[in-house]
Amino acid sequence: MIKIRAFKVTTDYAACLRYIKGHHMVLESYGVSKVTSLNTDWIDDPNTYAILVESEDSKKIYGGGRIQVKSKLLRLPMEEAIAVLDDRIYDYADTLGVLNVAEFCGLWNSKEMAGYGIGSIYMGRVGVAIAFQLNIQYLMALCSPGTLKNCLKVGFDVIRELGNNGTFYYPKEDLTATALIIRDLQNLPFANPVERNNIYDIRNNLCGTSLEHGPKGEMEFIYELHIKNEA
């Protein structure tokens, strides 16, 4: 069984360190080292939430991501990433407000997780469901070409006002990234209907089990997604 849990980062420092180590290892395996989501300023931030994919006993981590809320003290990672290419990102994010917008960032999967047939779509569903639980209005992301299709399925829309119709050469010149946003987390108007229902199911059942059917067969998930003092 695979466990997916969410928590405020200040409540589980050890788990955050495991997440950081795993993220570094995955990016280094692809020859990528300069990514703004690798910055660890968020680890003491009360407005950042982690999502971990773990073994049932929490001893092994297979992947993870963060919902990082923009505050007066901490900008979104994608602001710093995009600013060197298009500084309009600062004004764009500022108009959305403080504590009103978050970024789904730092997403990574281990090779072992990919071997199970568990792709970014599962984390995408959970990330969007968690963002709604946190009562923020907008969710942003900066995604690679490999995850763009799944991001669009779970409700993201391309921010075409930035970069080259929403795309940037990032994190290095031979790679691209696309700036995305969900403007209506409650209704998810741009989501694929099947994925919208999957997200609604997670929102309505933050804690429990689910039998998922992936390309490698059936997999049982344990969800521990209720964030104390936030719902």
Protein backbone atom coordinates (compact mmCIF):
# COMPACT_ATOMS: atom_id res chain seq x y z
CA MET A 1 0.00 0.00 0.00
CA ILE A 2 1.02 3.59 -0.67
CA LYS A 3 0.30 6.39 1.79
CA ILE A 4 -0.22 10.00 0.71
CA ARG A 5 -0.26 12.47 3.56
CA ALA A 6 -0.33 16.25 3.88
CA PHE A 7 0.85 18.41 6.75
CA LYS A 8 2.07 21.88 7.68
CA VAL A 9 5.86 21.76 7.23
CA THR A 10 6.57 23.18 10.67
CA THR A 11 4.96 20.11 12.29
CA ASP A 12 7.30 17.43 10.85
CA TYR A 13 10.85 18.65 10.30
CA ALA A 14 12.31 15.15 9.82
CA ALA A 15 9.87 14.34 7.01
CA CYS A 16 10.71 17.62 5.30
CA LEU A 17 14.40 16.72 5.33
CA ARG A 18 13.63 13.35 3.70
CA TYR A 19 11.56 15.13 1.07
CA ILE A 20 14.40 17.61 0.35
CA LYS A 21 16.97 14.82 0.03
CA GLY A 22 14.76 12.86 -2.37
CA HIS A 23 14.07 15.94 -4.49
CA HIS A 24 17.80 16.70 -4.80
CA MET A 25 18.60 13.14 -5.79
CA VAL A 26 15.94 13.01 -8.52
CA LEU A 27 16.95 16.35 -10.06
CA GLU A 28 20.65 15.47 -9.97
CA SER A 29 19.89 12.23 -11.83
CA TYR A 30 18.59 14.44 -14.67
CA GLY A 31 21.54 16.82 -14.52
CA VAL A 32 19.50 19.67 -13.05
CA SER A 33 20.82 21.61 -10.08
CA LYS A 34 19.56 25.21 -10.37
CA VAL A 35 15.85 25.07 -9.59
CA THR A 36 14.20 27.67 -7.35
CA SER A 37 11.94 25.08 -5.72
CA LEU A 38 15.12 23.53 -4.25
CA ASN A 39 15.45 26.59 -2.01
CA THR A 40 14.74 25.50 1.58
CA ASP A 41 13.59 28.86 3.02
CA TRP A 42 10.11 27.33 3.25
CA ILE A 43 11.06 24.73 5.88
CA ASP A 44 10.26 27.13 8.76
CA ASP A 45 7.34 28.80 7.01
CA PRO A 46 3.93 28.33 8.70
CA ASN A 47 2.22 28.96 5.35
CA THR A 48 3.81 26.03 3.51
CA TYR A 49 2.34 22.53 3.38
CA ALA A 50 3.99 19.30 2.28
CA ILE A 51 2.45 16.35 0.47
CA LEU A 52 4.42 13.11 0.76
CA VAL A 53 4.02 9.77 -0.97
CA GLU A 54 5.36 7.18 1.46
CA SER A 55 5.36 3.54 2.45
CA GLU A 56 2.61 2.60 4.89
CA ASP A 57 5.04 2.79 7.85
CA SER A 58 6.39 6.20 6.66
CA LYS A 59 9.96 4.84 6.56
CA LYS A 60 10.34 5.16 2.79
CA ILE A 61 9.47 8.17 0.66
CA TYR A 62 8.56 7.77 -3.00
CA GLY A 63 7.78 11.35 -3.93
CA GLY A 64 6.28 14.60 -2.81
CA GLY A 65 5.36 18.20 -3.45
CA ARG A 66 4.51 21.44 -1.66
CA ILE A 67 1.68 23.93 -1.51
CA GLN A 68 3.53 27.16 -0.73
CA VAL A 69 1.31 30.13 0.10
CA LYS A 70 2.56 33.58 -0.88
CA SER A 71 3.11 35.78 2.17
CA LYS A 72 4.74 39.09 2.97
CA LEU A 73 7.92 37.23 3.97
CA LEU A 74 8.11 34.59 1.26
CA ARG A 75 7.50 34.94 -2.46
CA LEU A 76 6.46 32.01 -4.63
CA PRO A 77 9.38 29.98 -6.04
CA MET A 78 8.17 30.56 -9.60
CA GLU A 79 8.36 34.32 -9.10
CA GLU A 80 12.11 34.10 -8.63
CA ALA A 81 12.44 31.52 -11.41
CA ILE A 82 10.55 33.55 -14.01
CA ALA A 83 11.71 37.04 -12.99
CA VAL A 84 15.12 36.71 -14.68
CA LEU A 85 13.26 35.99 -17.93
CA ASP A 86 10.12 38.09 -17.48
CA ASP A 87 9.87 40.40 -14.46
CA ARG A 88 6.15 40.93 -15.11
CA ILE A 89 5.64 37.85 -12.91
CA TYR A 90 6.05 40.03 -9.81
CA ASP A 91 3.18 42.35 -10.71
CA TYR A 92 1.09 39.40 -11.86
CA ALA A 93 1.48 37.55 -8.56
CA ASP A 94 1.10 40.70 -6.46
CA THR A 95 -2.27 41.48 -8.02
CA LEU A 96 -3.53 38.10 -6.81
CA GLY A 97 -2.89 39.13 -3.20
CA VAL A 98 -1.01 37.92 -0.14
CA LEU A 99 -2.15 34.69 1.58
CA ASN A 100 -4.62 34.41 -1.30
CA VAL A 101 -2.44 32.58 -3.82
CA ALA A 102 -0.18 29.54 -3.54
CA GLU A 103 2.14 27.57 -5.77
CA PHE A 104 2.09 23.83 -6.21
CA CYS A 105 5.83 23.28 -6.43
CA GLY A 106 8.75 20.98 -5.68
CA LEU A 107 6.97 18.01 -7.22
CA TRP A 108 9.07 14.88 -7.69
CA ASN A 109 8.64 11.14 -8.11
CA SER A 110 11.25 8.47 -7.44
CA LYS A 111 12.07 5.93 -10.14
CA GLU A 112 10.58 3.29 -7.86
CA MET A 113 7.32 5.20 -7.73
CA ALA A 114 7.29 5.48 -11.50
CA GLY A 115 7.87 1.74 -11.63
CA TYR A 116 4.58 1.25 -9.82
CA GLY A 117 2.89 3.17 -12.62
CA ILE A 118 2.09 6.06 -10.28
CA GLY A 119 2.52 9.26 -12.25
CA SER A 120 2.09 12.96 -11.63
CA ILE A 121 -1.68 12.74 -12.11
CA TYR A 122 -2.11 11.29 -8.60
CA MET A 123 -0.11 14.09 -6.98
CA GLY A 124 -1.92 16.62 -9.14
CA ARG A 125 -5.32 15.50 -7.87
CA VAL A 126 -4.15 15.64 -4.27
CA GLY A 127 -2.43 19.02 -4.65
CA VAL A 128 -5.55 20.66 -6.07
CA ALA A 129 -7.71 19.08 -3.35
CA ILE A 130 -5.35 20.30 -0.62
CA ALA A 131 -5.28 23.83 -2.03
CA PHE A 132 -9.07 24.00 -1.80
CA GLN A 133 -8.90 22.79 1.82
CA LEU A 134 -6.56 25.71 2.63
CA ASN A 135 -9.14 28.25 1.44
CA ILE A 136 -6.81 30.01 -0.98
CA GLN A 137 -8.29 31.49 -4.14
CA TYR A 138 -5.59 30.88 -6.77
CA LEU A 139 -3.15 28.01 -7.31
CA MET A 140 -0.15 28.51 -9.59
CA ALA A 141 2.49 26.13 -10.94
CA LEU A 142 5.54 26.03 -13.21
CA CYS A 143 5.60 22.68 -14.95
CA SER A 144 7.81 20.71 -17.30
CA PRO A 145 6.61 19.43 -20.71
CA GLY A 146 6.30 15.93 -19.23
CA THR A 147 3.74 17.01 -16.64
CA LEU A 148 1.88 19.67 -18.64
CA LYS A 149 -0.79 17.30 -19.95
CA ASN A 150 -1.70 16.07 -16.46
CA CYS A 151 -1.64 19.60 -15.03
CA LEU A 152 -4.19 20.68 -17.62
CA LYS A 153 -6.32 17.62 -16.83
CA VAL A 154 -6.63 18.62 -13.14
CA GLY A 155 -7.75 22.15 -13.98
CA PHE A 156 -4.73 24.38 -14.61
CA ASP A 157 -4.79 26.97 -17.38
CA VAL A 158 -1.74 28.49 -19.14
CA ILE A 159 -0.81 32.05 -18.11
CA ARG A 160 -0.37 33.31 -21.65
CA GLU A 161 0.35 36.90 -20.57
CA LEU A 162 3.83 35.85 -19.40
CA GLY A 163 6.89 34.64 -21.27
CA ASN A 164 6.41 33.30 -24.78
CA ASN A 165 2.68 32.56 -24.61
CA GLY A 166 3.22 31.11 -21.15
CA THR A 167 6.45 29.18 -21.76
CA PHE A 168 10.04 29.82 -20.63
CA TYR A 169 13.47 28.28 -21.12
CA TYR A 170 13.87 26.94 -17.59
CA PRO A 171 15.67 25.54 -15.59
CA LYS A 172 18.30 25.57 -18.37
CA GLU A 173 18.42 26.65 -22.01
CA ASP A 174 17.54 23.26 -23.49
CA LEU A 175 14.52 22.75 -21.21
CA THR A 176 11.17 24.55 -21.13
CA ALA A 177 8.60 25.22 -18.44
CA THR A 178 5.03 26.50 -18.62
CA ALA A 179 3.41 28.94 -16.17
CA LEU A 180 -0.03 27.78 -15.03
CA ILE A 181 -2.87 28.90 -12.77
CA ILE A 182 -6.21 27.67 -11.43
CA ARG A 183 -8.46 30.66 -10.85
CA ASP A 184 -11.49 28.78 -9.51
CA LEU A 185 -10.47 26.02 -7.11
CA GLN A 186 -14.03 25.30 -6.09
CA ASN A 187 -15.52 24.55 -9.50
CA LEU A 188 -12.41 23.67 -11.55
CA PRO A 189 -14.01 24.74 -14.86
CA PHE A 190 -11.00 23.77 -17.01
CA ALA A 191 -10.50 20.30 -15.50
CA ASN A 192 -11.16 17.10 -17.38
CA PRO A 193 -14.60 15.91 -16.13
CA VAL A 194 -13.20 12.57 -14.91
CA GLU A 195 -10.35 14.24 -13.05
CA ARG A 196 -12.70 16.87 -11.61
CA ASN A 197 -14.75 14.07 -10.07
CA ASN A 198 -11.59 12.38 -8.78
CA ILE A 199 -10.57 15.64 -7.07
CA TYR A 200 -14.04 16.10 -5.60
CA ASP A 201 -13.87 12.55 -4.20
CA ILE A 202 -10.55 13.33 -2.48
CA ARG A 203 -11.89 16.63 -1.12
CA ASN A 204 -14.86 14.80 0.37
CA ASN A 205 -12.76 11.95 1.78
CA LEU A 206 -9.52 13.46 3.03
CA CYS A 207 -8.78 10.44 5.22
CA GLY A 208 -9.41 6.89 4.11
CA THR A 209 -8.40 4.33 1.49
CA SER A 210 -8.89 4.09 -2.24
CA LEU A 211 -8.20 1.34 -4.76
CA GLU A 212 -6.64 2.90 -7.85
CA HIS A 213 -6.24 1.25 -11.24
CA GLY A 214 -2.95 2.15 -12.89
CA PRO A 215 -0.97 0.84 -15.86
CA LYS A 216 0.77 -1.69 -13.61
CA GLY A 217 -2.46 -2.97 -12.05
CA GLU A 218 -4.33 -2.13 -8.86
CA MET A 219 -2.77 -0.13 -6.04
CA GLU A 220 -4.30 0.68 -2.67
CA PHE A 221 -3.80 4.23 -1.42
CA ILE A 222 -4.10 5.44 2.15
CA TYR A 223 -5.02 9.13 2.31
CA GLU A 224 -4.10 11.24 5.36
CA LEU A 225 -4.87 14.68 3.95
CA HIS A 226 -6.76 16.49 6.67
CA ILE A 227 -4.55 19.36 7.81
CA LYS A 228 -5.23 20.19 11.44
CA ASN A 229 -6.48 23.70 12.19
CA GLU A 230 -6.76 24.49 8.49
CA ALA A 231 -9.98 22.85 7.25
